Amino acid sequence: MPAWLQQKLWSLTDPLRVDQAELLKNIAEDLSGAGPLSSSAMAAIFSLFERFPGIDANGAFHNLSRLLEEQPATLASLVRSLQRQPSVMGLRLLNVFMVDGVETCDGLSLKNLLRSIYLRQNIPEGVVQEAKHLLALHNA
């Protein structure tokens, strides 16, 4: 990932603003044709989700999430991100793996990860509700 592009991800302050949502869309488009994401690019995207845990940025984060779905090392990075700071977008991405039948990552049950997120203190209500929804969806 070019340094200027990574810097733009790190510099976003309000992804709900129209201009920043447009920037996110453009970044996702640029990355979609660039081949596999570097670990630093993935870290920058997860950091963005963690900085704004309770929002989807009017769908702008969805484009980045779709990119992550295609990356081979995403699940382990995703689990670490959710353990640091659960986010709505992280949980939605986790759901993609769970729907595909993935049950564990490095020995950790994904259902247990959801339970721990649901029970955590001091996380946004939207994140708690998303975890609760996914627990019900996956009969956990």
N, C-alpha and C. Protein backbone atom coordinates (compact mmCIF):
# COMPACT_ATOMS: atom_id res chain seq x y z
N MET A 1 0.86 -1.17 0.00
CA MET A 1 0.00 0.00 0.00
C MET A 1 0.90 1.23 0.00
N PRO A 2 0.63 2.15 -0.89
CA PRO A 2 1.45 3.37 -0.90
C PRO A 2 1.33 4.12 0.43
N ALA A 3 2.42 4.74 0.84
CA ALA A 3 2.44 5.44 2.13
C ALA A 3 1.39 6.53 2.21
N TRP A 4 1.18 7.25 1.11
CA TRP A 4 0.19 8.34 1.15
C TRP A 4 -1.22 7.81 1.38
N LEU A 5 -1.50 6.62 0.83
CA LEU A 5 -2.82 6.03 1.00
C LEU A 5 -3.02 5.55 2.43
N GLN A 6 -1.99 4.91 2.97
CA GLN A 6 -2.06 4.47 4.36
C GLN A 6 -2.22 5.67 5.30
N GLN A 7 -1.50 6.74 5.01
CA GLN A 7 -1.59 7.95 5.83
C GLN A 7 -3.02 8.51 5.80
N LYS A 8 -3.67 8.45 4.64
CA LYS A 8 -5.05 8.93 4.54
C LYS A 8 -5.99 8.13 5.44
N LEU A 9 -5.79 6.80 5.48
CA LEU A 9 -6.62 5.98 6.37
C LEU A 9 -6.42 6.38 7.82
N TRP A 10 -5.18 6.60 8.20
CA TRP A 10 -4.88 6.96 9.58
C TRP A 10 -5.36 8.36 9.92
N SER A 11 -5.50 9.22 8.90
CA SER A 11 -5.82 10.62 9.18
C SER A 11 -7.33 10.91 9.23
N LEU A 12 -8.17 9.97 8.88
CA LEU A 12 -9.61 10.21 8.91
C LEU A 12 -10.06 10.54 10.33
N THR A 13 -10.92 11.56 10.43
CA THR A 13 -11.41 11.98 11.74
C THR A 13 -12.91 11.82 11.89
N ASP A 14 -13.63 11.78 10.77
CA ASP A 14 -15.09 11.68 10.83
C ASP A 14 -15.59 11.02 9.55
N PRO A 15 -15.61 9.69 9.52
CA PRO A 15 -16.01 9.00 8.29
C PRO A 15 -17.47 9.19 7.91
N LEU A 16 -18.25 9.84 8.76
CA LEU A 16 -19.64 10.13 8.40
C LEU A 16 -19.75 11.40 7.55
N ARG A 17 -18.71 12.21 7.56
CA ARG A 17 -18.71 13.38 6.69
C ARG A 17 -18.67 12.92 5.23
N VAL A 18 -19.41 13.58 4.39
CA VAL A 18 -19.52 13.18 2.99
C VAL A 18 -18.16 13.12 2.31
N ASP A 19 -17.32 14.12 2.53
CA ASP A 19 -16.02 14.13 1.86
C ASP A 19 -15.13 12.98 2.32
N GLN A 20 -15.20 12.64 3.61
CA GLN A 20 -14.37 11.54 4.11
C GLN A 20 -14.94 10.18 3.69
N ALA A 21 -16.25 10.07 3.62
CA ALA A 21 -16.86 8.84 3.12
C ALA A 21 -16.47 8.62 1.66
N GLU A 22 -16.44 9.68 0.90
CA GLU A 22 -16.02 9.60 -0.50
C GLU A 22 -14.55 9.18 -0.59
N LEU A 23 -13.73 9.73 0.30
CA LEU A 23 -12.32 9.35 0.34
C LEU A 23 -12.19 7.85 0.63
N LEU A 24 -12.96 7.34 1.59
CA LEU A 24 -12.93 5.91 1.90
C LEU A 24 -13.32 5.07 0.69
N LYS A 25 -14.32 5.51 -0.02
CA LYS A 25 -14.75 4.80 -1.23
C LYS A 25 -13.62 4.77 -2.26
N ASN A 26 -12.96 5.90 -2.45
CA ASN A 26 -11.84 5.97 -3.39
C ASN A 26 -10.67 5.09 -2.96
N ILE A 27 -10.39 5.08 -1.67
CA ILE A 27 -9.31 4.23 -1.16
C ILE A 27 -9.63 2.77 -1.43
N ALA A 28 -10.86 2.36 -1.15
CA ALA A 28 -11.26 0.97 -1.40
C ALA A 28 -11.13 0.62 -2.88
N GLU A 29 -11.52 1.54 -3.74
CA GLU A 29 -11.39 1.29 -5.18
C GLU A 29 -9.93 1.16 -5.59
N ASP A 30 -9.07 2.02 -5.05
CA ASP A 30 -7.64 1.95 -5.36
C ASP A 30 -7.05 0.62 -4.89
N LEU A 31 -7.44 0.19 -3.70
CA LEU A 31 -6.89 -1.04 -3.14
C LEU A 31 -7.42 -2.28 -3.85
N SER A 32 -8.62 -2.22 -4.36
CA SER A 32 -9.22 -3.42 -4.96
C SER A 32 -8.45 -3.93 -6.16
N GLY A 33 -7.75 -3.08 -6.85
CA GLY A 33 -6.99 -3.52 -8.00
C GLY A 33 -5.51 -3.68 -7.74
N ALA A 34 -5.11 -3.54 -6.49
CA ALA A 34 -3.68 -3.53 -6.15
C ALA A 34 -3.12 -4.89 -5.74
N GLY A 35 -3.92 -5.95 -5.83
CA GLY A 35 -3.44 -7.26 -5.40
C GLY A 35 -3.58 -7.45 -3.91
N PRO A 36 -2.87 -8.45 -3.35
CA PRO A 36 -2.99 -8.73 -1.92
C PRO A 36 -2.60 -7.52 -1.07
N LEU A 37 -3.35 -7.31 0.00
CA LEU A 37 -3.04 -6.22 0.93
C LEU A 37 -1.84 -6.58 1.78
N SER A 38 -1.01 -5.62 2.04
CA SER A 38 0.11 -5.84 2.95
C SER A 38 -0.43 -5.92 4.37
N SER A 39 0.39 -6.45 5.27
CA SER A 39 -0.04 -6.51 6.67
C SER A 39 -0.25 -5.11 7.23
N SER A 40 0.54 -4.14 6.78
CA SER A 40 0.36 -2.77 7.28
C SER A 40 -0.94 -2.16 6.75
N ALA A 41 -1.32 -2.51 5.53
CA ALA A 41 -2.60 -2.02 4.99
C ALA A 41 -3.77 -2.62 5.76
N MET A 42 -3.68 -3.92 6.06
CA MET A 42 -4.74 -4.56 6.85
C MET A 42 -4.81 -3.93 8.24
N ALA A 43 -3.67 -3.68 8.84
CA ALA A 43 -3.64 -3.08 10.17
C ALA A 43 -4.27 -1.69 10.14
N ALA A 44 -4.01 -0.93 9.08
CA ALA A 44 -4.59 0.41 8.97
C ALA A 44 -6.11 0.34 8.85
N ILE A 45 -6.62 -0.63 8.10
CA ILE A 45 -8.07 -0.77 7.95
C ILE A 45 -8.70 -1.19 9.27
N PHE A 46 -8.10 -2.17 9.94
CA PHE A 46 -8.65 -2.59 11.24
C PHE A 46 -8.56 -1.46 12.26
N SER A 47 -7.50 -0.68 12.20
CA SER A 47 -7.38 0.46 13.11
C SER A 47 -8.50 1.45 12.87
N LEU A 48 -8.87 1.65 11.62
CA LEU A 48 -9.98 2.53 11.29
C LEU A 48 -11.27 2.01 11.91
N PHE A 49 -11.53 0.71 11.76
CA PHE A 49 -12.72 0.10 12.37
C PHE A 49 -12.69 0.29 13.89
N GLU A 50 -11.52 0.11 14.49
CA GLU A 50 -11.39 0.22 15.94
C GLU A 50 -11.57 1.66 16.43
N ARG A 51 -11.13 2.62 15.64
CA ARG A 51 -11.28 4.02 16.03
C ARG A 51 -12.73 4.48 15.98
N PHE A 52 -13.52 3.85 15.13
CA PHE A 52 -14.93 4.19 14.97
C PHE A 52 -15.75 2.91 15.14
N PRO A 53 -15.75 2.32 16.34
CA PRO A 53 -16.29 0.97 16.53
C PRO A 53 -17.80 0.84 16.32
N GLY A 54 -18.55 1.89 16.54
CA GLY A 54 -20.00 1.75 16.51
C GLY A 54 -20.66 2.13 15.21
N ILE A 55 -19.87 2.44 14.19
CA ILE A 55 -20.48 2.93 12.96
C ILE A 55 -20.03 2.16 11.73
N ASP A 56 -20.82 2.31 10.67
CA ASP A 56 -20.50 1.73 9.38
C ASP A 56 -20.14 2.83 8.38
N ALA A 57 -20.20 4.07 8.78
CA ALA A 57 -19.84 5.20 7.92
C ALA A 57 -20.66 5.21 6.63
N ASN A 58 -21.95 5.04 6.80
CA ASN A 58 -22.87 5.07 5.66
C ASN A 58 -22.47 4.10 4.56
N GLY A 59 -21.94 2.97 4.94
CA GLY A 59 -21.57 1.95 3.97
C GLY A 59 -20.15 2.06 3.47
N ALA A 60 -19.46 3.15 3.77
CA ALA A 60 -18.10 3.33 3.27
C ALA A 60 -17.15 2.27 3.83
N PHE A 61 -17.36 1.87 5.07
CA PHE A 61 -16.51 0.81 5.65
C PHE A 61 -16.78 -0.53 4.97
N HIS A 62 -17.96 -0.70 4.45
CA HIS A 62 -18.33 -1.98 3.82
C HIS A 62 -17.38 -2.29 2.65
N ASN A 63 -17.02 -1.28 1.88
CA ASN A 63 -16.11 -1.50 0.76
C ASN A 63 -14.75 -2.03 1.25
N LEU A 64 -14.28 -1.48 2.35
CA LEU A 64 -13.01 -1.95 2.92
C LEU A 64 -13.16 -3.36 3.49
N SER A 65 -14.30 -3.62 4.10
CA SER A 65 -14.56 -4.94 4.65
C SER A 65 -14.55 -6.00 3.55
N ARG A 66 -15.15 -5.69 2.41
CA ARG A 66 -15.17 -6.63 1.28
C ARG A 66 -13.75 -6.95 0.82
N LEU A 67 -12.89 -5.95 0.83
CA LEU A 67 -11.49 -6.20 0.47
C LEU A 67 -10.83 -7.18 1.45
N LEU A 68 -11.12 -6.98 2.73
CA LEU A 68 -10.53 -7.85 3.75
C LEU A 68 -11.00 -9.29 3.60
N GLU A 69 -12.24 -9.48 3.18
CA GLU A 69 -12.78 -10.83 3.01
C GLU A 69 -11.93 -11.65 2.04
N GLU A 70 -11.31 -10.99 1.09
CA GLU A 70 -10.55 -11.66 0.04
C GLU A 70 -9.11 -11.96 0.42
N GLN A 71 -8.68 -11.51 1.58
CA GLN A 71 -7.28 -11.64 1.97
C GLN A 71 -7.06 -12.92 2.79
N PRO A 72 -6.01 -13.68 2.50
CA PRO A 72 -5.79 -14.95 3.20
C PRO A 72 -5.53 -14.84 4.70
N ALA A 73 -4.91 -13.78 5.15
CA ALA A 73 -4.55 -13.67 6.57
C ALA A 73 -5.56 -12.87 7.38
N THR A 74 -6.72 -12.63 6.82
CA THR A 74 -7.67 -11.73 7.47
C THR A 74 -8.19 -12.25 8.80
N LEU A 75 -8.55 -13.51 8.91
CA LEU A 75 -9.22 -14.00 10.11
C LEU A 75 -8.38 -13.77 11.36
N ALA A 76 -7.11 -14.15 11.34
CA ALA A 76 -6.28 -13.97 12.53
C ALA A 76 -6.15 -12.49 12.89
N SER A 77 -5.97 -11.65 11.89
CA SER A 77 -5.88 -10.20 12.14
C SER A 77 -7.20 -9.67 12.67
N LEU A 78 -8.29 -10.16 12.14
CA LEU A 78 -9.62 -9.75 12.58
C LEU A 78 -9.85 -10.12 14.04
N VAL A 79 -9.51 -11.32 14.41
CA VAL A 79 -9.70 -11.77 15.80
C VAL A 79 -8.89 -10.89 16.75
N ARG A 80 -7.66 -10.59 16.38
CA ARG A 80 -6.83 -9.71 17.23
C ARG A 80 -7.47 -8.32 17.34
N SER A 81 -8.01 -7.82 16.23
CA SER A 81 -8.66 -6.52 16.25
C SER A 81 -9.88 -6.53 17.17
N LEU A 82 -10.70 -7.56 17.06
CA LEU A 82 -11.90 -7.66 17.91
C LEU A 82 -11.55 -7.81 19.38
N GLN A 83 -10.43 -8.45 19.67
CA GLN A 83 -10.00 -8.57 21.05
C GLN A 83 -9.52 -7.23 21.60
N ARG A 84 -8.88 -6.43 20.75
CA ARG A 84 -8.41 -5.10 21.18
C ARG A 84 -9.59 -4.15 21.37
N GLN A 85 -10.40 -4.00 20.31
CA GLN A 85 -11.52 -3.05 20.32
C GLN A 85 -12.61 -3.58 19.39
N PRO A 86 -13.61 -4.24 19.96
CA PRO A 86 -14.69 -4.75 19.11
C PRO A 86 -15.35 -3.61 18.31
N SER A 87 -15.74 -3.93 17.09
CA SER A 87 -16.37 -2.95 16.23
C SER A 87 -17.51 -3.61 15.45
N VAL A 88 -18.47 -2.81 15.06
CA VAL A 88 -19.58 -3.32 14.25
C VAL A 88 -19.04 -3.94 12.97
N MET A 89 -18.14 -3.24 12.29
CA MET A 89 -17.63 -3.76 11.02
C MET A 89 -16.80 -5.02 11.24
N GLY A 90 -16.05 -5.07 12.31
CA GLY A 90 -15.29 -6.28 12.62
C GLY A 90 -16.22 -7.46 12.86
N LEU A 91 -17.30 -7.22 13.58
CA LEU A 91 -18.26 -8.29 13.85
C LEU A 91 -18.95 -8.75 12.56
N ARG A 92 -19.28 -7.81 11.69
CA ARG A 92 -19.91 -8.19 10.42
C ARG A 92 -18.97 -9.01 9.57
N LEU A 93 -17.70 -8.68 9.60
CA LEU A 93 -16.71 -9.46 8.87
C LEU A 93 -16.55 -10.85 9.51
N LEU A 94 -16.56 -10.91 10.82
CA LEU A 94 -16.50 -12.20 11.51
C LEU A 94 -17.68 -13.08 11.09
N ASN A 95 -18.85 -12.48 10.96
CA ASN A 95 -20.02 -13.23 10.53
C ASN A 95 -19.80 -13.89 9.18
N VAL A 96 -19.12 -13.23 8.27
CA VAL A 96 -18.84 -13.81 6.95
C VAL A 96 -18.09 -15.13 7.11
N PHE A 97 -17.10 -15.14 7.98
CA PHE A 97 -16.33 -16.36 8.21
C PHE A 97 -17.20 -17.44 8.87
N MET A 98 -18.02 -17.02 9.82
CA MET A 98 -18.87 -17.99 10.53
C MET A 98 -19.92 -18.59 9.60
N VAL A 99 -20.48 -17.79 8.72
CA VAL A 99 -21.45 -18.30 7.75
C VAL A 99 -20.78 -19.31 6.82
N ASP A 100 -19.50 -19.09 6.54
CA ASP A 100 -18.74 -20.02 5.69
C ASP A 100 -18.33 -21.28 6.45
N GLY A 101 -18.71 -21.39 7.72
CA GLY A 101 -18.44 -22.61 8.48
C GLY A 101 -17.20 -22.58 9.34
N VAL A 102 -16.51 -21.47 9.39
CA VAL A 102 -15.32 -21.37 10.24
C VAL A 102 -15.78 -21.28 11.69
N GLU A 103 -15.22 -22.12 12.54
CA GLU A 103 -15.64 -22.16 13.94
C GLU A 103 -14.56 -21.68 14.90
N THR A 104 -13.29 -21.79 14.48
CA THR A 104 -12.19 -21.42 15.37
C THR A 104 -11.11 -20.67 14.60
N CYS A 105 -10.28 -19.99 15.36
CA CYS A 105 -9.08 -19.34 14.81
C CYS A 105 -7.98 -19.50 15.85
N ASP A 106 -6.94 -20.17 15.47
CA ASP A 106 -5.82 -20.41 16.39
C ASP A 106 -6.30 -20.98 17.72
N GLY A 107 -7.25 -21.91 17.65
CA GLY A 107 -7.75 -22.58 18.84
C GLY A 107 -8.85 -21.83 19.59
N LEU A 108 -9.18 -20.62 19.18
CA LEU A 108 -10.20 -19.83 19.85
C LEU A 108 -11.54 -20.02 19.14
N SER A 109 -12.54 -20.41 19.90
CA SER A 109 -13.89 -20.54 19.36
C SER A 109 -14.43 -19.17 19.00
N LEU A 110 -14.91 -19.02 17.76
CA LEU A 110 -15.46 -17.74 17.34
C LEU A 110 -16.74 -17.42 18.10
N LYS A 111 -17.50 -18.43 18.49
CA LYS A 111 -18.69 -18.20 19.31
C LYS A 111 -18.30 -17.68 20.69
N ASN A 112 -17.23 -18.24 21.25
CA ASN A 112 -16.76 -17.74 22.55
C ASN A 112 -16.25 -16.31 22.44
N LEU A 113 -15.63 -15.98 21.32
CA LEU A 113 -15.20 -14.60 21.09
C LEU A 113 -16.41 -13.68 21.07
N LEU A 114 -17.47 -14.08 20.38
CA LEU A 114 -18.71 -13.28 20.36
C LEU A 114 -19.27 -13.10 21.77
N ARG A 115 -19.30 -14.19 22.54
CA ARG A 115 -19.82 -14.10 23.91
C ARG A 115 -19.00 -13.12 24.74
N SER A 116 -17.69 -13.19 24.61
CA SER A 116 -16.83 -12.30 25.40
C SER A 116 -17.05 -10.84 25.01
N ILE A 117 -17.29 -10.60 23.73
CA ILE A 117 -17.56 -9.23 23.28
C ILE A 117 -18.89 -8.76 23.84
N TYR A 118 -19.89 -9.61 23.78
CA TYR A 118 -21.22 -9.27 24.28
C TYR A 118 -21.18 -8.90 25.76
N LEU A 119 -20.31 -9.56 26.52
CA LEU A 119 -20.23 -9.34 27.96
C LEU A 119 -19.26 -8.24 28.37
N ARG A 120 -18.49 -7.72 27.44
CA ARG A 120 -17.51 -6.69 27.77
C ARG A 120 -18.17 -5.39 28.20
N GLN A 121 -17.48 -4.69 29.05
CA GLN A 121 -17.93 -3.38 29.50
C GLN A 121 -17.31 -2.30 28.62
N ASN A 122 -17.93 -1.13 28.61
CA ASN A 122 -17.37 0.05 27.97
C ASN A 122 -17.15 -0.07 26.46
N ILE A 123 -18.08 -0.73 25.80
CA ILE A 123 -18.05 -0.73 24.34
C ILE A 123 -19.37 -0.15 23.85
N PRO A 124 -19.38 0.44 22.68
CA PRO A 124 -20.61 1.09 22.19
C PRO A 124 -21.79 0.14 22.11
N GLU A 125 -22.97 0.66 22.38
CA GLU A 125 -24.19 -0.14 22.39
C GLU A 125 -24.41 -0.83 21.05
N GLY A 126 -24.09 -0.17 19.95
CA GLY A 126 -24.25 -0.78 18.63
C GLY A 126 -23.40 -2.03 18.47
N VAL A 127 -22.23 -2.04 19.08
CA VAL A 127 -21.34 -3.21 19.03
C VAL A 127 -21.94 -4.34 19.86
N VAL A 128 -22.45 -4.00 21.04
CA VAL A 128 -23.09 -5.01 21.90
C VAL A 128 -24.28 -5.64 21.17
N GLN A 129 -25.11 -4.80 20.54
CA GLN A 129 -26.28 -5.31 19.83
C GLN A 129 -25.89 -6.18 18.64
N GLU A 130 -24.84 -5.80 17.93
CA GLU A 130 -24.37 -6.62 16.80
C GLU A 130 -23.88 -7.97 17.29
N ALA A 131 -23.14 -7.99 18.40
CA ALA A 131 -22.66 -9.26 18.97
C ALA A 131 -23.84 -10.12 19.41
N LYS A 132 -24.82 -9.49 20.04
CA LYS A 132 -26.02 -10.21 20.48
C LYS A 132 -26.75 -10.81 19.28
N HIS A 133 -26.89 -10.03 18.22
CA HIS A 133 -27.55 -10.50 17.00
C HIS A 133 -26.81 -11.71 16.41
N LEU A 134 -25.50 -11.63 16.35
CA LEU A 134 -24.72 -12.73 15.77
C LEU A 134 -24.76 -13.97 16.65
N LEU A 135 -24.77 -13.78 17.96
CA LEU A 135 -24.91 -14.93 18.86
C LEU A 135 -26.22 -15.67 18.58
N ALA A 136 -27.30 -14.92 18.43
CA ALA A 136 -28.60 -15.53 18.13
C ALA A 136 -28.58 -16.19 16.75
N LEU A 137 -27.98 -15.53 15.79
CA LEU A 137 -27.92 -16.04 14.43
C LEU A 137 -27.18 -17.37 14.36
N HIS A 138 -26.15 -17.48 15.15
CA HIS A 138 -25.31 -18.70 15.14
C HIS A 138 -25.64 -19.63 16.30
N ASN A 139 -26.80 -19.43 16.90
CA ASN A 139 -27.28 -20.30 17.98
C ASN A 139 -26.24 -20.53 19.04
N ALA A 140 -25.62 -19.46 19.46
CA ALA A 140 -24.59 -19.59 20.51
C ALA A 140 -25.20 -19.15 21.81
